[in-house]
Amino acid sequence: MKKRVKKILAFILAVGIVAPSQAGIVEPVSMVSTVEAATNTLTLNVSNKNIYVGASAKLNVKATKGAKLSYKTSNKKIVTVDSKGNIKGRKAGTAKITVTASKAKRKSVKKVITVKVVKQNQKITASNVSVYYKKGRSLGAKAKTGLTYKSSNSNVVSVNSKGYILGKKVGTAKIYITAKESSVYKKTTKTVVVKVIKQASTPVVKPTATPKPTAKPTATPKPVEKVWVVDVPAKPAQEEQGHWEEAGHWKSDWVYQCNGCGAQFATTDAFWAHSDANWDEDGNNYHGGYSMVSGEKYWVKDGEYWVVDVPAQAAQPEQGHWEYK
């Protein structure tokens, strides 16, 4: 493009335009033309930056419209940067950020800036205080990091590692408080004044006599009715109830049984009388013999015995309790 513009410019300057003169002589007339050459260079402006540890910020970058920007850090442990130019302080120190602007058909441009990461300041919160002689209290100091304490005169005021002070002598002393340095915060100090004062004596106050309470008239109690409540009624003694039953055994006697007709007789005389009475006309007797057998059973009473139907029971007293109504 540059070569083409230069050729056109040279041609215009070399050609003379002929104009007729009064004398008829043709004189060349010169023509001046200014042409601004087109540029392919991108613009990129960005400044150095200071940032606290743990803080974030955005780089203020000015570049040709439409240019694509990219970022790169020289030390990620000190400062990091993302694709949008946002930086964050990681650790106290210095690092370089390279910013690159690029665009199609243009030559890319780079610029390196310095980012300094510094520790943050911190403040100790504490005030001057007073403490009674032989008494103690806490200073109540606060800061972002751990604190240490030192007394300017431990004979007047002593202080421990927790910031607890003790008044040891009437007077004034200073307590030097130090907030320790950390990876994020700077070390800082503060001085507070502690005044030890004597506690005022407490006047003796005589106890006020307690007035005797006025006796209130006793209310007449309402009569209370005492009532017996029966839980289990009384039971009288109960005699044994039962009946007599007969005692005995079954018995049978030996008898004489006729072998002919089976009749039984208590004695031999009775049998023979039976036998003699049964002769037929021909002189035959079929009842002439007998056998001894057990006769018919009969009950023999031996006596009586008592059978209990309801056992005897002792008298039971009434059971219950008193109630008040």
C-alpha atoms as a PDB file:
ATOM      1  CA  MET A   1       0.000   0.000   0.000  1.00  0.00           C
ATOM      2  CA  LYS A   2       2.844   2.381   0.894  1.00  0.00           C
ATOM      3  CA  LYS A   3       4.638   1.744  -2.438  1.00  0.00           C
ATOM      4  CA  ARG A   4       1.446   2.475  -4.427  1.00  0.00           C
ATOM      5  CA  VAL A   5       0.874   5.799  -2.677  1.00  0.00           C
ATOM      6  CA  LYS A   6       4.490   6.860  -3.248  1.00  0.00           C
ATOM      7  CA  LYS A   7       4.271   6.096  -7.007  1.00  0.00           C
ATOM      8  CA  ILE A   8       1.111   8.182  -7.432  1.00  0.00           C
ATOM      9  CA  LEU A   9       2.696  11.078  -5.552  1.00  0.00           C
ATOM     10  CA  ALA A  10       5.827  10.949  -7.709  1.00  0.00           C
ATOM     11  CA  PHE A  11       3.799  10.905 -10.898  1.00  0.00           C
ATOM     12  CA  ILE A  12       1.817  14.012  -9.976  1.00  0.00           C
ATOM     13  CA  LEU A  13       4.958  15.913  -9.076  1.00  0.00           C
ATOM     14  CA  ALA A  14       6.714  14.906 -12.301  1.00  0.00           C
ATOM     15  CA  VAL A  15       3.957  15.869 -14.707  1.00  0.00           C
ATOM     16  CA  GLY A  16       3.860  19.495 -15.672  1.00  0.00           C
ATOM     17  CA  ILE A  17       0.561  21.182 -16.502  1.00  0.00           C
ATOM     18  CA  VAL A  18       0.954  23.465 -19.528  1.00  0.00           C
ATOM     19  CA  ALA A  19      -0.797  26.823 -19.458  1.00  0.00           C
ATOM     20  CA  PRO A  20      -0.648  29.371 -22.302  1.00  0.00           C
ATOM     21  CA  SER A  21       1.045  32.642 -21.523  1.00  0.00           C
ATOM     22  CA  GLN A  22       0.405  36.039 -22.947  1.00  0.00           C
ATOM     23  CA  ALA A  23       3.524  35.712 -25.049  1.00  0.00           C
ATOM     24  CA  GLY A  24       2.338  32.351 -26.170  1.00  0.00           C
ATOM     25  CA  ILE A  25       5.042  30.584 -24.303  1.00  0.00           C
ATOM     26  CA  VAL A  26       3.956  27.542 -22.441  1.00  0.00           C
ATOM     27  CA  GLU A  27       5.188  27.598 -18.849  1.00  0.00           C
ATOM     28  CA  PRO A  28       4.938  24.669 -16.471  1.00  0.00           C
ATOM     29  CA  VAL A  29       2.631  25.138 -13.464  1.00  0.00           C
ATOM     30  CA  SER A  30       3.595  23.177 -10.353  1.00  0.00           C
ATOM     31  CA  MET A  31       0.850  21.516  -8.091  1.00  0.00           C
ATOM     32  CA  VAL A  32       1.465  20.603  -4.394  1.00  0.00           C
ATOM     33  CA  SER A  33      -0.606  17.688  -2.853  1.00  0.00           C
ATOM     34  CA  THR A  34      -0.231  16.259   0.747  1.00  0.00           C
ATOM     35  CA  VAL A  35      -1.088  12.583   1.338  1.00  0.00           C
ATOM     36  CA  GLU A  36      -0.990  11.073   4.884  1.00  0.00           C
ATOM     37  CA  ALA A  37       0.502   7.587   4.891  1.00  0.00           C
ATOM     38  CA  ALA A  38      -1.626   4.879   6.516  1.00  0.00           C
ATOM     39  CA  THR A  39      -0.076   3.218   9.624  1.00  0.00           C
ATOM     40  CA  ASN A  40      -0.195  -0.471  10.713  1.00  0.00           C
ATOM     41  CA  THR A  41       0.960   0.148  14.321  1.00  0.00           C
ATOM     42  CA  LEU A  42      -1.345  -0.618  17.311  1.00  0.00           C
ATOM     43  CA  THR A  43      -1.464   1.724  20.302  1.00  0.00           C
ATOM     44  CA  LEU A  44      -1.073   0.340  23.868  1.00  0.00           C
ATOM     45  CA  ASN A  45      -0.809   2.302  27.093  1.00  0.00           C
ATOM     46  CA  VAL A  46      -0.631   0.777  30.601  1.00  0.00           C
ATOM     47  CA  SER A  47       1.043   2.007  33.795  1.00  0.00           C
ATOM     48  CA  ASN A  48       2.908   0.427  36.678  1.00  0.00           C
ATOM     49  CA  LYS A  49       0.800  -0.593  39.682  1.00  0.00           C
ATOM     50  CA  ASN A  50       1.133  -0.861  43.470  1.00  0.00           C
ATOM     51  CA  ILE A  51      -1.160  -3.250  45.361  1.00  0.00           C
ATOM     52  CA  TYR A  52      -1.544  -4.618  48.921  1.00  0.00           C
ATOM     53  CA  VAL A  53      -1.071  -8.280  49.782  1.00  0.00           C
ATOM     54  CA  GLY A  54      -4.464  -9.984  49.548  1.00  0.00           C
ATOM     55  CA  ALA A  55      -6.006  -7.084  47.584  1.00  0.00           C
ATOM     56  CA  SER A  56      -7.298  -7.153  44.000  1.00  0.00           C
ATOM     57  CA  ALA A  57      -7.304  -4.487  41.253  1.00  0.00           C
ATOM     58  CA  LYS A  58      -7.827  -4.119  37.507  1.00  0.00           C
ATOM     59  CA  LEU A  59      -5.119  -2.842  35.183  1.00  0.00           C
ATOM     60  CA  ASN A  60      -6.051   0.363  33.367  1.00  0.00           C
ATOM     61  CA  VAL A  61      -5.137  -0.513  29.771  1.00  0.00           C
ATOM     62  CA  LYS A  62      -5.775   1.725  26.764  1.00  0.00           C
ATOM     63  CA  ALA A  63      -5.343   0.121  23.353  1.00  0.00           C
ATOM     64  CA  THR A  64      -6.485   0.418  19.752  1.00  0.00           C
ATOM     65  CA  LYS A  65     -10.186  -0.286  19.398  1.00  0.00           C
ATOM     66  CA  GLY A  66     -10.823  -3.914  18.586  1.00  0.00           C
ATOM     67  CA  ALA A  67      -7.405  -5.077  19.740  1.00  0.00           C
ATOM     68  CA  LYS A  68      -7.252  -8.310  21.687  1.00  0.00           C
ATOM     69  CA  LEU A  69      -5.385  -8.080  24.996  1.00  0.00           C
ATOM     70  CA  SER A  70      -3.510 -10.827  26.813  1.00  0.00           C
ATOM     71  CA  TYR A  71      -1.636 -10.796  30.151  1.00  0.00           C
ATOM     72  CA  LYS A  72       1.197 -12.758  31.713  1.00  0.00           C
ATOM     73  CA  THR A  73       2.916 -12.495  35.117  1.00  0.00           C
ATOM     74  CA  SER A  74       6.581 -13.126  35.761  1.00  0.00           C
ATOM     75  CA  ASN A  75       5.951 -14.531  39.262  1.00  0.00           C
ATOM     76  CA  LYS A  76       2.630 -16.077  40.270  1.00  0.00           C
ATOM     77  CA  LYS A  77       3.755 -16.321  43.888  1.00  0.00           C
ATOM     78  CA  ILE A  78       3.847 -12.512  44.111  1.00  0.00           C
ATOM     79  CA  VAL A  79       1.027 -11.413  41.805  1.00  0.00           C
ATOM     80  CA  THR A  80      -1.475 -13.223  39.586  1.00  0.00           C
ATOM     81  CA  VAL A  81      -3.393 -11.885  36.577  1.00  0.00           C
ATOM     82  CA  ASP A  82      -6.385 -13.276  34.694  1.00  0.00           C
ATOM     83  CA  SER A  83      -7.491 -12.936  31.064  1.00  0.00           C
ATOM     84  CA  LYS A  84      -9.386  -9.724  31.831  1.00  0.00           C
ATOM     85  CA  GLY A  85      -6.470  -7.890  33.443  1.00  0.00           C
ATOM     86  CA  ASN A  86      -7.514  -8.408  37.047  1.00  0.00           C
ATOM     87  CA  ILE A  87      -4.512  -8.725  39.329  1.00  0.00           C
ATOM     88  CA  LYS A  88      -4.224  -9.967  42.926  1.00  0.00           C
ATOM     89  CA  GLY A  89      -1.376  -9.493  45.384  1.00  0.00           C
ATOM     90  CA  ARG A  90      -0.207 -12.840  46.781  1.00  0.00           C
ATOM     91  CA  LYS A  91       3.033 -11.998  48.543  1.00  0.00           C
ATOM     92  CA  ALA A  92       5.111  -8.901  49.243  1.00  0.00           C
ATOM     93  CA  GLY A  93       7.579  -8.276  46.403  1.00  0.00           C
ATOM     94  CA  THR A  94       7.851  -7.085  42.813  1.00  0.00           C
ATOM     95  CA  ALA A  95       6.794  -8.846  39.617  1.00  0.00           C
ATOM     96  CA  LYS A  96       6.446  -7.982  35.935  1.00  0.00           C
ATOM     97  CA  ILE A  97       3.188  -8.093  33.971  1.00  0.00           C
ATOM     98  CA  THR A  98       3.497  -8.382  30.177  1.00  0.00           C
ATOM     99  CA  VAL A  99       0.504  -6.932  28.299  1.00  0.00           C
ATOM    100  CA  THR A 100       0.126  -7.842  24.627  1.00  0.00           C
ATOM    101  CA  ALA A 101      -2.252  -6.141  22.131  1.00  0.00           C
ATOM    102  CA  SER A 102      -2.958  -7.977  18.868  1.00  0.00           C
ATOM    103  CA  LYS A 103      -5.290  -7.553  15.897  1.00  0.00           C
ATOM    104  CA  ALA A 104      -5.659  -9.181  12.505  1.00  0.00           C
ATOM    105  CA  LYS A 105      -3.306  -7.839   9.802  1.00  0.00           C
ATOM    106  CA  ARG A 106      -1.583  -5.667  12.402  1.00  0.00           C
ATOM    107  CA  LYS A 107       1.704  -6.103  14.160  1.00  0.00           C
ATOM    108  CA  SER A 108       1.162  -6.980  17.821  1.00  0.00           C
ATOM    109  CA  VAL A 109       2.467  -4.655  20.537  1.00  0.00           C
ATOM    110  CA  LYS A 110       3.827  -5.649  23.969  1.00  0.00           C
ATOM    111  CA  LYS A 111       4.443  -3.576  27.041  1.00  0.00           C
ATOM    112  CA  VAL A 112       5.924  -4.710  30.358  1.00  0.00           C
ATOM    113  CA  ILE A 113       4.886  -3.019  33.594  1.00  0.00           C
ATOM    114  CA  THR A 114       6.040  -3.416  37.184  1.00  0.00           C
ATOM    115  CA  VAL A 115       3.596  -4.430  39.924  1.00  0.00           C
ATOM    116  CA  LYS A 116       4.771  -3.877  43.471  1.00  0.00           C
ATOM    117  CA  VAL A 117       2.955  -5.865  46.177  1.00  0.00           C
ATOM    118  CA  VAL A 118       3.277  -4.406  49.674  1.00  0.00           C
ATOM    119  CA  LYS A 119       2.021  -5.515  53.098  1.00  0.00           C
ATOM    120  CA  GLN A 120      -1.019  -3.826  54.587  1.00  0.00           C
ATOM    121  CA  ASN A 121      -0.841  -1.440  57.518  1.00  0.00           C
ATOM    122  CA  GLN A 122      -2.630  -2.442  60.724  1.00  0.00           C
ATOM    123  CA  LYS A 123      -3.864  -0.548  63.766  1.00  0.00           C
ATOM    124  CA  ILE A 124      -3.734  -1.450  67.461  1.00  0.00           C
ATOM    125  CA  THR A 125      -6.885  -0.578  69.383  1.00  0.00           C
ATOM    126  CA  ALA A 126      -6.082   0.257  73.033  1.00  0.00           C
ATOM    127  CA  SER A 127      -6.593   3.174  75.432  1.00  0.00           C
ATOM    128  CA  ASN A 128      -4.987   4.698  78.517  1.00  0.00           C
ATOM    129  CA  VAL A 129      -6.379   3.135  81.675  1.00  0.00           C
ATOM    130  CA  SER A 130      -6.343   3.357  85.464  1.00  0.00           C
ATOM    131  CA  VAL A 131      -6.017   0.428  87.844  1.00  0.00           C
ATOM    132  CA  TYR A 132      -6.314   0.180  91.628  1.00  0.00           C
ATOM    133  CA  TYR A 133      -3.288  -0.697  93.746  1.00  0.00           C
ATOM    134  CA  LYS A 134      -2.991  -4.497  94.101  1.00  0.00           C
ATOM    135  CA  LYS A 135      -5.814  -4.941  91.590  1.00  0.00           C
ATOM    136  CA  GLY A 136      -5.708  -6.122  87.997  1.00  0.00           C
ATOM    137  CA  ARG A 137      -7.543  -5.827  84.700  1.00  0.00           C
ATOM    138  CA  SER A 138      -7.169  -6.564  80.978  1.00  0.00           C
ATOM    139  CA  LEU A 139      -5.992  -3.879  78.557  1.00  0.00           C
ATOM    140  CA  GLY A 140      -8.378  -5.256  75.916  1.00  0.00           C
ATOM    141  CA  ALA A 141      -5.991  -4.447  73.070  1.00  0.00           C
ATOM    142  CA  LYS A 142      -6.885  -5.725  69.585  1.00  0.00           C
ATOM    143  CA  ALA A 143      -5.073  -5.935  66.225  1.00  0.00           C
ATOM    144  CA  LYS A 144      -4.952  -8.041  63.059  1.00  0.00           C
ATOM    145  CA  THR A 145      -1.965 -10.112  64.278  1.00  0.00           C
ATOM    146  CA  GLY A 146      -0.649 -11.412  67.609  1.00  0.00           C
ATOM    147  CA  LEU A 147       0.313  -8.911  70.319  1.00  0.00           C
ATOM    148  CA  THR A 148       3.239  -8.627  72.738  1.00  0.00           C
ATOM    149  CA  TYR A 149       3.391  -6.400  75.821  1.00  0.00           C
ATOM    150  CA  LYS A 150       6.169  -4.738  77.836  1.00  0.00           C
ATOM    151  CA  SER A 151       6.015  -2.442  80.879  1.00  0.00           C
ATOM    152  CA  SER A 152       8.265   0.571  81.226  1.00  0.00           C
ATOM    153  CA  ASN A 153       8.311   0.023  85.000  1.00  0.00           C
ATOM    154  CA  SER A 154       7.318  -3.400  86.255  1.00  0.00           C
ATOM    155  CA  ASN A 155       7.624  -2.168  89.860  1.00  0.00           C
ATOM    156  CA  VAL A 156       4.581   0.039  89.227  1.00  0.00           C
ATOM    157  CA  VAL A 157       2.636  -2.014  86.691  1.00  0.00           C
ATOM    158  CA  SER A 158       3.304  -5.557  85.505  1.00  0.00           C
ATOM    159  CA  VAL A 159       1.793  -7.076  82.363  1.00  0.00           C
ATOM    160  CA  ASN A 160       1.623 -10.683  81.138  1.00  0.00           C
ATOM    161  CA  SER A 161       1.565 -12.140  77.632  1.00  0.00           C
ATOM    162  CA  LYS A 162      -2.250 -11.899  77.529  1.00  0.00           C
ATOM    163  CA  GLY A 163      -2.296  -8.139  78.198  1.00  0.00           C
ATOM    164  CA  TYR A 164      -3.450  -8.478  81.832  1.00  0.00           C
ATOM    165  CA  ILE A 165      -1.998  -5.691  84.011  1.00  0.00           C
ATOM    166  CA  LEU A 166      -1.507  -5.576  87.805  1.00  0.00           C
ATOM    167  CA  GLY A 167      -1.078  -2.415  89.871  1.00  0.00           C
ATOM    168  CA  LYS A 168       1.922  -2.990  92.155  1.00  0.00           C
ATOM    169  CA  LYS A 169       2.701   0.536  93.315  1.00  0.00           C
ATOM    170  CA  VAL A 170       0.919   3.881  93.188  1.00  0.00           C
ATOM    171  CA  GLY A 171       2.293   5.771  90.201  1.00  0.00           C
ATOM    172  CA  THR A 172       2.345   5.823  86.401  1.00  0.00           C
ATOM    173  CA  ALA A 173       3.963   3.505  83.852  1.00  0.00           C
ATOM    174  CA  LYS A 174       3.767   2.876  80.126  1.00  0.00           C
ATOM    175  CA  ILE A 175       2.825  -0.342  78.375  1.00  0.00           C
ATOM    176  CA  TYR A 176       4.420  -0.890  74.968  1.00  0.00           C
ATOM    177  CA  ILE A 177       2.185  -2.962  72.706  1.00  0.00           C
ATOM    178  CA  THR A 178       3.535  -4.531  69.504  1.00  0.00           C
ATOM    179  CA  ALA A 179       1.470  -6.127  66.737  1.00  0.00           C
ATOM    180  CA  LYS A 180       3.618  -8.758  65.037  1.00  0.00           C
ATOM    181  CA  GLU A 181       4.474  -8.702  61.325  1.00  0.00           C
ATOM    182  CA  SER A 182       2.818 -11.355  59.159  1.00  0.00           C
ATOM    183  CA  SER A 183       2.757 -12.310  55.504  1.00  0.00           C
ATOM    184  CA  VAL A 184      -0.103  -9.831  55.010  1.00  0.00           C
ATOM    185  CA  TYR A 185       0.343  -7.090  57.651  1.00  0.00           C
ATOM    186  CA  LYS A 186       3.228  -4.845  58.666  1.00  0.00           C
ATOM    187  CA  LYS A 187       4.524  -4.656  62.217  1.00  0.00           C
ATOM    188  CA  THR A 188       3.173  -1.752  64.285  1.00  0.00           C
ATOM    189  CA  THR A 189       3.417  -0.479  67.870  1.00  0.00           C
ATOM    190  CA  LYS A 190       1.374   1.562  70.319  1.00  0.00           C
ATOM    191  CA  THR A 191       2.032   2.953  73.792  1.00  0.00           C
ATOM    192  CA  VAL A 192      -0.622   3.337  76.456  1.00  0.00           C
ATOM    193  CA  VAL A 193      -0.331   4.969  79.862  1.00  0.00           C
ATOM    194  CA  VAL A 194      -1.412   3.093  82.971  1.00  0.00           C
ATOM    195  CA  LYS A 195      -2.065   4.968  86.203  1.00  0.00           C
ATOM    196  CA  VAL A 196      -2.064   3.041  89.492  1.00  0.00           C
ATOM    197  CA  ILE A 197      -4.273   4.672  92.112  1.00  0.00           C
ATOM    198  CA  LYS A 198      -5.099   3.868  95.717  1.00  0.00           C
ATOM    199  CA  GLN A 199      -8.600   2.633  96.320  1.00  0.00           C
ATOM    200  CA  ALA A 200     -10.665   4.915  98.566  1.00  0.00           C
ATOM    201  CA  SER A 201     -11.500   3.417 101.947  1.00  0.00           C
ATOM    202  CA  THR A 202     -15.084   2.384 102.344  1.00  0.00           C
ATOM    203  CA  PRO A 203     -16.831   4.124 105.283  1.00  0.00           C
ATOM    204  CA  VAL A 204     -18.188   1.827 107.953  1.00  0.00           C
ATOM    205  CA  VAL A 205     -21.924   1.868 107.828  1.00  0.00           C
ATOM    206  CA  LYS A 206     -23.782   0.796 110.929  1.00  0.00           C
ATOM    207  CA  PRO A 207     -26.439  -1.706 110.173  1.00  0.00           C
ATOM    208  CA  THR A 208     -29.927  -0.356 110.389  1.00  0.00           C
ATOM    209  CA  ALA A 209     -32.038  -2.077 112.951  1.00  0.00           C
ATOM    210  CA  THR A 210     -34.569  -4.261 111.317  1.00  0.00           C
ATOM    211  CA  PRO A 211     -38.038  -3.244 112.461  1.00  0.00           C
ATOM    212  CA  LYS A 212     -39.999  -5.989 114.080  1.00  0.00           C
ATOM    213  CA  PRO A 213     -42.815  -7.127 111.904  1.00  0.00           C
ATOM    214  CA  THR A 214     -46.290  -6.342 113.103  1.00  0.00           C
ATOM    215  CA  ALA A 215     -48.057  -9.532 113.887  1.00  0.00           C
ATOM    216  CA  LYS A 216     -51.061 -10.045 111.741  1.00  0.00           C
ATOM    217  CA  PRO A 217     -54.156 -11.488 113.355  1.00  0.00           C
ATOM    218  CA  THR A 218     -54.383 -15.178 112.772  1.00  0.00           C
ATOM    219  CA  ALA A 219     -57.350 -16.064 110.692  1.00  0.00           C
ATOM    220  CA  THR A 220     -59.740 -18.461 112.352  1.00  0.00           C
ATOM    221  CA  PRO A 221     -59.354 -21.741 110.575  1.00  0.00           C
ATOM    222  CA  LYS A 222     -62.424 -23.158 109.044  1.00  0.00           C
ATOM    223  CA  PRO A 223     -63.650 -26.367 110.671  1.00  0.00           C
ATOM    224  CA  VAL A 224     -62.603 -29.482 108.863  1.00  0.00           C
ATOM    225  CA  GLU A 225     -64.862 -32.531 108.832  1.00  0.00           C
ATOM    226  CA  LYS A 226     -63.118 -35.849 109.235  1.00  0.00           C
ATOM    227  CA  VAL A 227     -64.900 -38.667 107.412  1.00  0.00           C
ATOM    228  CA  TRP A 228     -64.115 -42.405 107.510  1.00  0.00           C
ATOM    229  CA  VAL A 229     -64.238 -44.055 104.091  1.00  0.00           C
ATOM    230  CA  VAL A 230     -64.727 -47.838 104.123  1.00  0.00           C
ATOM    231  CA  ASP A 231     -62.542 -49.709 101.633  1.00  0.00           C
ATOM    232  CA  VAL A 232     -63.276 -53.317 102.794  1.00  0.00           C
ATOM    233  CA  PRO A 233     -66.329 -54.055 105.016  1.00  0.00           C
ATOM    234  CA  ALA A 234     -65.875 -56.082 108.224  1.00  0.00           C
ATOM    235  CA  LYS A 235     -66.725 -59.797 108.119  1.00  0.00           C
ATOM    236  CA  PRO A 236     -67.922 -61.817 111.152  1.00  0.00           C
ATOM    237  CA  ALA A 237     -66.370 -65.134 112.120  1.00  0.00           C
ATOM    238  CA  GLN A 238     -67.836 -68.102 110.224  1.00  0.00           C
ATOM    239  CA  GLU A 239     -68.193 -71.595 111.702  1.00  0.00           C
ATOM    240  CA  GLU A 240     -67.250 -74.698 109.842  1.00  0.00           C
ATOM    241  CA  GLN A 241     -70.072 -76.192 107.839  1.00  0.00           C
ATOM    242  CA  GLY A 242     -70.403 -79.846 106.795  1.00  0.00           C
ATOM    243  CA  HIS A 243     -72.379 -83.144 107.116  1.00  0.00           C
ATOM    244  CA  TRP A 244     -72.074 -86.654 108.487  1.00  0.00           C
ATOM    245  CA  GLU A 245     -71.690 -89.579 106.175  1.00  0.00           C
ATOM    246  CA  GLU A 246     -72.163 -93.283 107.051  1.00  0.00           C
ATOM    247  CA  ALA A 247     -69.144 -95.573 107.182  1.00  0.00           C
ATOM    248  CA  GLY A 248     -69.380 -99.329 106.593  1.00  0.00           C
ATOM    249  CA  HIS A 249     -68.686-102.217 104.201  1.00  0.00           C
ATOM    250  CA  TRP A 250     -70.347-104.838 102.033  1.00  0.00           C
ATOM    251  CA  LYS A 251     -70.426-108.393 103.335  1.00  0.00           C
ATOM    252  CA  SER A 252     -71.653-111.802 102.196  1.00  0.00           C
ATOM    253  CA  ASP A 253     -72.037-115.126 104.162  1.00  0.00           C
ATOM    254  CA  TRP A 254     -71.517-118.698 103.112  1.00  0.00           C
ATOM    255  CA  VAL A 255     -74.804-120.477 102.148  1.00  0.00           C
ATOM    256  CA  TYR A 256     -75.827-123.970 101.090  1.00  0.00           C
ATOM    257  CA  GLN A 257     -76.996-124.107  97.504  1.00  0.00           C
ATOM    258  CA  CYS A 258     -79.056-126.988  96.186  1.00  0.00           C
ATOM    259  CA  ASN A 259     -77.337-128.709  93.322  1.00  0.00           C
ATOM    260  CA  GLY A 260     -80.677-129.617  91.809  1.00  0.00           C
ATOM    261  CA  CYS A 261     -82.620-126.353  91.740  1.00  0.00           C
ATOM    262  CA  GLY A 262     -80.028-123.789  92.925  1.00  0.00           C
ATOM    263  CA  ALA A 263     -81.977-122.722  95.982  1.00  0.00           C
ATOM    264  CA  GLN A 264     -79.830-121.338  98.805  1.00  0.00           C
ATOM    265  CA  PHE A 265     -80.211-122.090 102.483  1.00  0.00           C
ATOM    266  CA  ALA A 266     -78.581-120.659 105.550  1.00  0.00           C
ATOM    267  CA  THR A 267     -78.291-123.944 107.393  1.00  0.00           C
ATOM    268  CA  THR A 268     -77.902-127.586 106.537  1.00  0.00           C
ATOM    269  CA  ASP A 269     -81.102-128.372 108.342  1.00  0.00           C
ATOM    270  CA  ALA A 270     -83.025-126.077 106.069  1.00  0.00           C
ATOM    271  CA  PHE A 271     -81.417-127.687 103.018  1.00  0.00           C
ATOM    272  CA  TRP A 272     -82.216-131.213 104.135  1.00  0.00           C
ATOM    273  CA  ALA A 273     -85.751-130.248 104.867  1.00  0.00           C
ATOM    274  CA  HIS A 274     -85.925-128.969 101.315  1.00  0.00           C
ATOM    275  CA  SER A 275     -84.374-132.153  99.973  1.00  0.00           C
ATOM    276  CA  ASP A 276     -86.707-134.427 101.969  1.00  0.00           C
ATOM    277  CA  ALA A 277     -89.718-132.562 100.681  1.00  0.00           C
ATOM    278  CA  ASN A 278     -88.859-133.214  97.061  1.00  0.00           C
ATOM    279  CA  TRP A 279     -89.037-137.008  96.729  1.00  0.00           C
ATOM    280  CA  ASP A 280     -91.214-138.085  93.825  1.00  0.00           C
ATOM    281  CA  GLU A 281     -93.632-141.056  93.727  1.00  0.00           C
ATOM    282  CA  ASP A 282     -91.013-143.286  92.202  1.00  0.00           C
ATOM    283  CA  GLY A 283     -88.619-142.615  95.058  1.00  0.00           C
ATOM    284  CA  ASN A 284     -86.294-140.387  93.092  1.00  0.00           C
ATOM    285  CA  ASN A 285     -84.753-137.208  94.578  1.00  0.00           C
ATOM    286  CA  TYR A 286     -82.928-134.698  92.429  1.00  0.00           C
ATOM    287  CA  HIS A 287     -82.228-132.306  95.322  1.00  0.00           C
ATOM    288  CA  GLY A 288     -80.087-134.556  97.368  1.00  0.00           C
ATOM    289  CA  GLY A 289     -76.818-132.632  97.179  1.00  0.00           C
ATOM    290  CA  TYR A 290     -75.604-129.089  97.924  1.00  0.00           C
ATOM    291  CA  SER A 291     -72.613-126.843  97.501  1.00  0.00           C
ATOM    292  CA  MET A 292     -71.276-124.053  99.722  1.00  0.00           C
ATOM    293  CA  VAL A 293     -71.268-120.700  97.875  1.00  0.00           C
ATOM    294  CA  SER A 294     -71.042-116.997  98.776  1.00  0.00           C
ATOM    295  CA  GLY A 295     -74.428-115.621  99.478  1.00  0.00           C
ATOM    296  CA  GLU A 296     -75.988-112.285  98.520  1.00  0.00           C
ATOM    297  CA  LYS A 297     -73.982-109.187  99.590  1.00  0.00           C
ATOM    298  CA  TYR A 298     -75.387-106.876 102.233  1.00  0.00           C
ATOM    299  CA  TRP A 299     -74.215-103.565 103.775  1.00  0.00           C
ATOM    300  CA  VAL A 300     -72.713-103.585 107.226  1.00  0.00           C
ATOM    301  CA  LYS A 301     -72.598-100.129 108.953  1.00  0.00           C
ATOM    302  CA  ASP A 302     -69.389 -99.450 110.846  1.00  0.00           C
ATOM    303  CA  GLY A 303     -70.117 -95.864 111.970  1.00  0.00           C
ATOM    304  CA  GLU A 304     -70.197 -92.221 110.675  1.00  0.00           C
ATOM    305  CA  TYR A 305     -67.559 -89.568 109.637  1.00  0.00           C
ATOM    306  CA  TRP A 306     -67.711 -85.720 109.213  1.00  0.00           C
ATOM    307  CA  VAL A 307     -67.378 -84.159 105.776  1.00  0.00           C
ATOM    308  CA  VAL A 308     -66.407 -80.361 105.699  1.00  0.00           C
ATOM    309  CA  ASP A 309     -68.387 -78.324 103.146  1.00  0.00           C
ATOM    310  CA  VAL A 310     -67.310 -74.739 104.180  1.00  0.00           C
ATOM    311  CA  PRO A 311     -64.142 -74.195 106.282  1.00  0.00           C
ATOM    312  CA  ALA A 312     -64.310 -72.004 109.354  1.00  0.00           C
ATOM    313  CA  GLN A 313     -63.134 -68.359 108.931  1.00  0.00           C
ATOM    314  CA  ALA A 314     -61.938 -65.876 111.558  1.00  0.00           C
ATOM    315  CA  ALA A 315     -63.572 -62.467 111.875  1.00  0.00           C
ATOM    316  CA  GLN A 316     -62.089 -59.737 109.591  1.00  0.00           C
ATOM    317  CA  PRO A 317     -62.041 -56.112 110.793  1.00  0.00           C
ATOM    318  CA  GLU A 318     -63.250 -53.253 108.616  1.00  0.00           C
ATOM    319  CA  GLN A 319     -60.603 -51.585 106.434  1.00  0.00           C
ATOM    320  CA  GLY A 320     -60.654 -47.968 105.233  1.00  0.00           C
ATOM    321  CA  HIS A 321     -59.121 -44.478 105.530  1.00  0.00           C
ATOM    322  CA  TRP A 322     -59.896 -40.983 106.799  1.00  0.00           C
ATOM    323  CA  GLU A 323     -60.718 -38.111 104.473  1.00  0.00           C
ATOM    324  CA  TYR A 324     -61.043 -34.441 105.337  1.00  0.00           C
ATOM    325  CA  LYS A 325     -63.804 -32.305 103.866  1.00  0.00           C
END
